[in-house]
C-alpha atoms as a PDB file:
ATOM      1  CA  UNK A   1      64.375 135.680 -53.571  1.00  0.00           C
ATOM      2  CA  UNK A   2      65.581 139.342 -53.255  1.00  0.00           C
ATOM      3  CA  UNK A   3      65.903 139.694 -57.002  1.00  0.00           C
ATOM      4  CA  UNK A   4      62.234 138.650 -57.312  1.00  0.00           C
ATOM      5  CA  UNK A   5      61.223 141.218 -54.658  1.00  0.00           C
ATOM      6  CA  UNK A   6      63.188 143.955 -56.325  1.00  0.00           C
ATOM      7  CA  UNK A   7      61.698 143.050 -59.654  1.00  0.00           C
ATOM      8  CA  UNK A   8      58.188 143.334 -58.387  1.00  0.00           C
ATOM      9  CA  UNK A   9      58.898 146.452 -56.499  1.00  0.00           C
ATOM     10  CA  UNK A  10      60.280 148.073 -59.749  1.00  0.00           C
ATOM     11  CA  UNK A  11      57.030 147.371 -61.423  1.00  0.00           C
ATOM     12  CA  UNK A  12      55.311 149.831 -58.951  1.00  0.00           C
ATOM     13  CA  UNK A  13      55.349 153.389 -60.405  1.00  0.00           C
ATOM     14  CA  UNK A  14      57.877 155.804 -58.815  1.00  0.00           C
ATOM     15  CA  UNK A  15      55.445 158.645 -58.880  1.00  0.00           C
ATOM     16  CA  UNK A  16      51.802 158.755 -58.125  1.00  0.00           C
ATOM     17  CA  UNK A  17      49.191 160.133 -60.512  1.00  0.00           C
ATOM     18  CA  UNK A  18      49.298 163.545 -58.878  1.00  0.00           C
ATOM     19  CA  UNK A  19      53.128 163.742 -59.493  1.00  0.00           C
ATOM     20  CA  UNK A  20      54.196 163.162 -55.922  1.00  0.00           C
ATOM     21  CA  UNK A  21      56.893 160.569 -55.080  1.00  0.00           C
ATOM     22  CA  UNK A  22      55.487 157.076 -54.264  1.00  0.00           C
ATOM     23  CA  UNK A  23      56.917 156.693 -50.774  1.00  0.00           C
ATOM     24  CA  UNK A  24      55.364 153.235 -50.319  1.00  0.00           C
ATOM     25  CA  UNK A  25      57.623 151.930 -53.216  1.00  0.00           C
ATOM     26  CA  UNK A  26      60.641 153.705 -51.746  1.00  0.00           C
ATOM     27  CA  UNK A  27      59.907 152.110 -48.265  1.00  0.00           C
ATOM     28  CA  UNK A  28      59.594 148.613 -49.803  1.00  0.00           C
ATOM     29  CA  UNK A  29      62.859 149.210 -51.724  1.00  0.00           C
ATOM     30  CA  UNK A  30      64.734 150.444 -48.694  1.00  0.00           C
ATOM     31  CA  UNK A  31      63.496 147.416 -46.631  1.00  0.00           C
ATOM     32  CA  UNK A  32      64.837 144.891 -49.170  1.00  0.00           C
ATOM     33  CA  UNK A  33      68.184 146.688 -49.569  1.00  0.00           C
ATOM     34  CA  UNK A  34      68.675 147.089 -45.809  1.00  0.00           C
ATOM     35  CA  UNK A  35      68.032 143.347 -45.439  1.00  0.00           C
ATOM     36  CA  UNK A  36      70.644 142.553 -48.105  1.00  0.00           C
ATOM     37  CA  UNK A  37      73.214 144.874 -46.417  1.00  0.00           C
ATOM     38  CA  UNK A  38      72.575 143.193 -43.052  1.00  0.00           C
ATOM     39  CA  UNK A  39      73.504 139.795 -44.581  1.00  0.00           C
ATOM     40  CA  UNK A  40      76.533 141.295 -46.304  1.00  0.00           C
ATOM     41  CA  UNK A  41      77.923 142.652 -42.989  1.00  0.00           C
ATOM     42  CA  UNK A  42      77.857 139.307 -41.254  1.00  0.00           C
ATOM     43  CA  UNK A  43      81.069 137.165 -41.259  1.00  0.00           C
ATOM     44  CA  UNK A  44      80.629 133.663 -42.553  1.00  0.00           C
ATOM     45  CA  UNK A  45      83.073 130.874 -42.002  1.00  0.00           C
ATOM     46  CA  UNK A  46      82.985 128.188 -44.599  1.00  0.00           C
ATOM     47  CA  UNK A  47      85.023 125.086 -44.541  1.00  0.00           C
ATOM     48  CA  UNK A  48      86.420 123.477 -47.650  1.00  0.00           C
ATOM     49  CA  UNK A  49      84.986 120.170 -48.510  1.00  0.00           C
ATOM     50  CA  UNK A  50      87.573 118.530 -50.821  1.00  0.00           C
ATOM     51  CA  UNK A  51      85.068 116.494 -52.978  1.00  0.00           C
ATOM     52  CA  UNK A  52      82.884 119.615 -53.570  1.00  0.00           C
ATOM     53  CA  UNK A  53      85.902 121.784 -54.207  1.00  0.00           C
ATOM     54  CA  UNK A  54      87.203 119.220 -56.706  1.00  0.00           C
ATOM     55  CA  UNK A  55      83.781 119.088 -58.409  1.00  0.00           C
ATOM     56  CA  UNK A  56      83.830 122.853 -58.927  1.00  0.00           C
ATOM     57  CA  UNK A  57      87.403 122.903 -60.079  1.00  0.00           C
ATOM     58  CA  UNK A  58      87.444 119.870 -62.386  1.00  0.00           C
ATOM     59  CA  UNK A  59      83.954 118.409 -62.698  1.00  0.00           C
ATOM     60  CA  UNK A  60      82.063 121.188 -64.407  1.00  0.00           C
ATOM     61  CA  UNK A  61      81.799 120.842 -68.153  1.00  0.00           C
ATOM     62  CA  UNK A  62      81.431 124.063 -70.173  1.00  0.00           C
ATOM     63  CA  UNK A  63      78.979 123.593 -73.112  1.00  0.00           C
ATOM     64  CA  UNK A  64      78.667 125.861 -76.027  1.00  0.00           C
ATOM     65  CA  UNK A  65      75.587 128.068 -76.515  1.00  0.00           C
ATOM     66  CA  UNK A  66      74.296 125.765 -79.198  1.00  0.00           C
ATOM     67  CA  UNK A  67      74.705 122.681 -77.004  1.00  0.00           C
ATOM     68  CA  UNK A  68      72.913 124.304 -74.218  1.00  0.00           C
ATOM     69  CA  UNK A  69      70.075 125.420 -76.479  1.00  0.00           C
ATOM     70  CA  UNK A  70      69.686 121.875 -77.906  1.00  0.00           C
ATOM     71  CA  UNK A  71      69.649 120.378 -74.433  1.00  0.00           C
ATOM     72  CA  UNK A  72      66.957 122.863 -73.324  1.00  0.00           C
ATOM     73  CA  UNK A  73      64.898 122.129 -76.390  1.00  0.00           C
ATOM     74  CA  UNK A  74      65.250 118.368 -75.818  1.00  0.00           C
ATOM     75  CA  UNK A  75      64.109 118.911 -72.236  1.00  0.00           C
ATOM     76  CA  UNK A  76      61.103 120.851 -73.390  1.00  0.00           C
ATOM     77  CA  UNK A  77      60.138 118.103 -75.774  1.00  0.00           C
ATOM     78  CA  UNK A  78      60.352 115.504 -73.042  1.00  0.00           C
ATOM     79  CA  UNK A  79      58.191 117.617 -70.884  1.00  0.00           C
ATOM     80  CA  UNK A  80      55.714 117.925 -73.737  1.00  0.00           C
ATOM     81  CA  UNK A  81      55.686 114.126 -74.210  1.00  0.00           C
ATOM     82  CA  UNK A  82      55.156 113.565 -70.512  1.00  0.00           C
ATOM     83  CA  UNK A  83      52.106 115.779 -70.755  1.00  0.00           C
ATOM     84  CA  UNK A  84      50.930 114.126 -73.896  1.00  0.00           C
ATOM     85  CA  UNK A  85      51.759 117.046 -76.139  1.00  0.00           C
ATOM     86  CA  UNK A  86      52.785 116.724 -79.699  1.00  0.00           C
ATOM     87  CA  UNK A  87      54.871 118.793 -82.000  1.00  0.00           C
ATOM     88  CA  UNK A  88      52.946 121.521 -83.720  1.00  0.00           C
ATOM     89  CA  UNK A  89      53.442 123.382 -86.993  1.00  0.00           C
ATOM     90  CA  UNK A  90      55.872 126.204 -86.272  1.00  0.00           C
ATOM     91  CA  UNK A  91      57.745 124.420 -83.454  1.00  0.00           C
ATOM     92  CA  UNK A  92      61.508 124.874 -83.979  1.00  0.00           C
ATOM     93  CA  UNK A  93      63.284 121.762 -85.221  1.00  0.00           C
ATOM     94  CA  UNK A  94      66.562 120.896 -83.511  1.00  0.00           C
ATOM     95  CA  UNK A  95      68.587 117.685 -83.032  1.00  0.00           C
ATOM     96  CA  UNK A  96      66.453 117.129 -79.973  1.00  0.00           C
ATOM     97  CA  UNK A  97      63.177 117.356 -81.919  1.00  0.00           C
ATOM     98  CA  UNK A  98      64.467 115.050 -84.636  1.00  0.00           C
ATOM     99  CA  UNK A  99      65.461 112.580 -82.089  1.00  0.00           C
ATOM    100  CA  UNK A 100      62.026 112.947 -80.433  1.00  0.00           C
ATOM    101  CA  UNK A 101      60.295 112.610 -83.774  1.00  0.00           C
ATOM    102  CA  UNK A 102      62.147 109.378 -84.605  1.00  0.00           C
ATOM    103  CA  UNK A 103      61.301 107.849 -81.201  1.00  0.00           C
ATOM    104  CA  UNK A 104      57.732 108.863 -81.556  1.00  0.00           C
ATOM    105  CA  UNK A 105      57.451 107.318 -85.070  1.00  0.00           C
ATOM    106  CA  UNK A 106      59.050 104.181 -83.791  1.00  0.00           C
ATOM    107  CA  UNK A 107      56.604 103.962 -80.914  1.00  0.00           C
ATOM    108  CA  UNK A 108      53.714 104.522 -83.342  1.00  0.00           C
ATOM    109  CA  UNK A 109      54.884 101.733 -85.647  1.00  0.00           C
ATOM    110  CA  UNK A 110      55.285  99.359 -82.673  1.00  0.00           C
ATOM    111  CA  UNK A 111      51.760 100.126 -81.492  1.00  0.00           C
ATOM    112  CA  UNK A 112      50.312  99.732 -84.998  1.00  0.00           C
ATOM    113  CA  UNK A 113      52.112  96.280 -85.227  1.00  0.00           C
ATOM    114  CA  UNK A 114      50.661  95.229 -81.917  1.00  0.00           C
ATOM    115  CA  UNK A 115      47.230  96.405 -82.968  1.00  0.00           C
ATOM    116  CA  UNK A 116      47.300  94.348 -86.163  1.00  0.00           C
ATOM    117  CA  UNK A 117      48.553  91.320 -84.336  1.00  0.00           C
ATOM    118  CA  UNK A 118      45.704  91.775 -81.730  1.00  0.00           C
ATOM    119  CA  UNK A 119      43.073  92.255 -84.502  1.00  0.00           C
ATOM    120  CA  UNK A 120      44.350  89.018 -86.286  1.00  0.00           C
ATOM    121  CA  UNK A 121      44.111  87.210 -82.948  1.00  0.00           C
ATOM    122  CA  UNK A 122      40.616  88.370 -82.347  1.00  0.00           C
ATOM    123  CA  UNK A 123      39.544  87.567 -85.834  1.00  0.00           C
ATOM    124  CA  UNK A 124      41.079  84.100 -85.616  1.00  0.00           C
ATOM    125  CA  UNK A 125      39.430  83.454 -82.302  1.00  0.00           C
ATOM    126  CA  UNK A 126      36.032  84.569 -83.452  1.00  0.00           C
ATOM    127  CA  UNK A 127      36.246  82.356 -86.626  1.00  0.00           C
ATOM    128  CA  UNK A 128      37.324  79.343 -84.599  1.00  0.00           C
ATOM    129  CA  UNK A 129      34.656  79.904 -81.945  1.00  0.00           C
ATOM    130  CA  UNK A 130      32.075  80.129 -84.640  1.00  0.00           C
ATOM    131  CA  UNK A 131      33.202  76.845 -86.148  1.00  0.00           C
ATOM    132  CA  UNK A 132      33.049  75.104 -82.745  1.00  0.00           C
ATOM    133  CA  UNK A 133      29.654  76.404 -82.069  1.00  0.00           C
ATOM    134  CA  UNK A 134      28.262  75.174 -85.469  1.00  0.00           C
ATOM    135  CA  UNK A 135      29.871  71.797 -85.055  1.00  0.00           C
ATOM    136  CA  UNK A 136      28.609  71.388 -81.500  1.00  0.00           C
ATOM    137  CA  UNK A 137      25.038  72.285 -82.510  1.00  0.00           C
ATOM    138  CA  UNK A 138      24.843  70.078 -85.531  1.00  0.00           C
ATOM    139  CA  UNK A 139      26.253  66.964 -83.721  1.00  0.00           C
END
């Protein structure tokens, strides 16, 4: 929260157009820094919670930069898929995108197969329905 405040304050020019110091920026900056100092001066008593301590000591897995990058890309693709997005020309290809592409192709093939089956069923029904209608009208 404070980092975001400081970042936005930093975007404000330090000097005004006439060359004078921008005291409004300095006031805002001082306000945020004094609030941070106030929280740093307080004493906090935290109690150890063994399961949480164990998790931080033993449960965290360190991934390589490449593994983290691939996981992030895979997550981006899943988010695109949820929003109905598709891969576009120029999108980077990683192991995640290849996996996504294979899954997408498999889904498309399955849908095409279901569509053909449905079309055959509709065609068969319409042919049989027509035959029944003709036979009932001529008898």
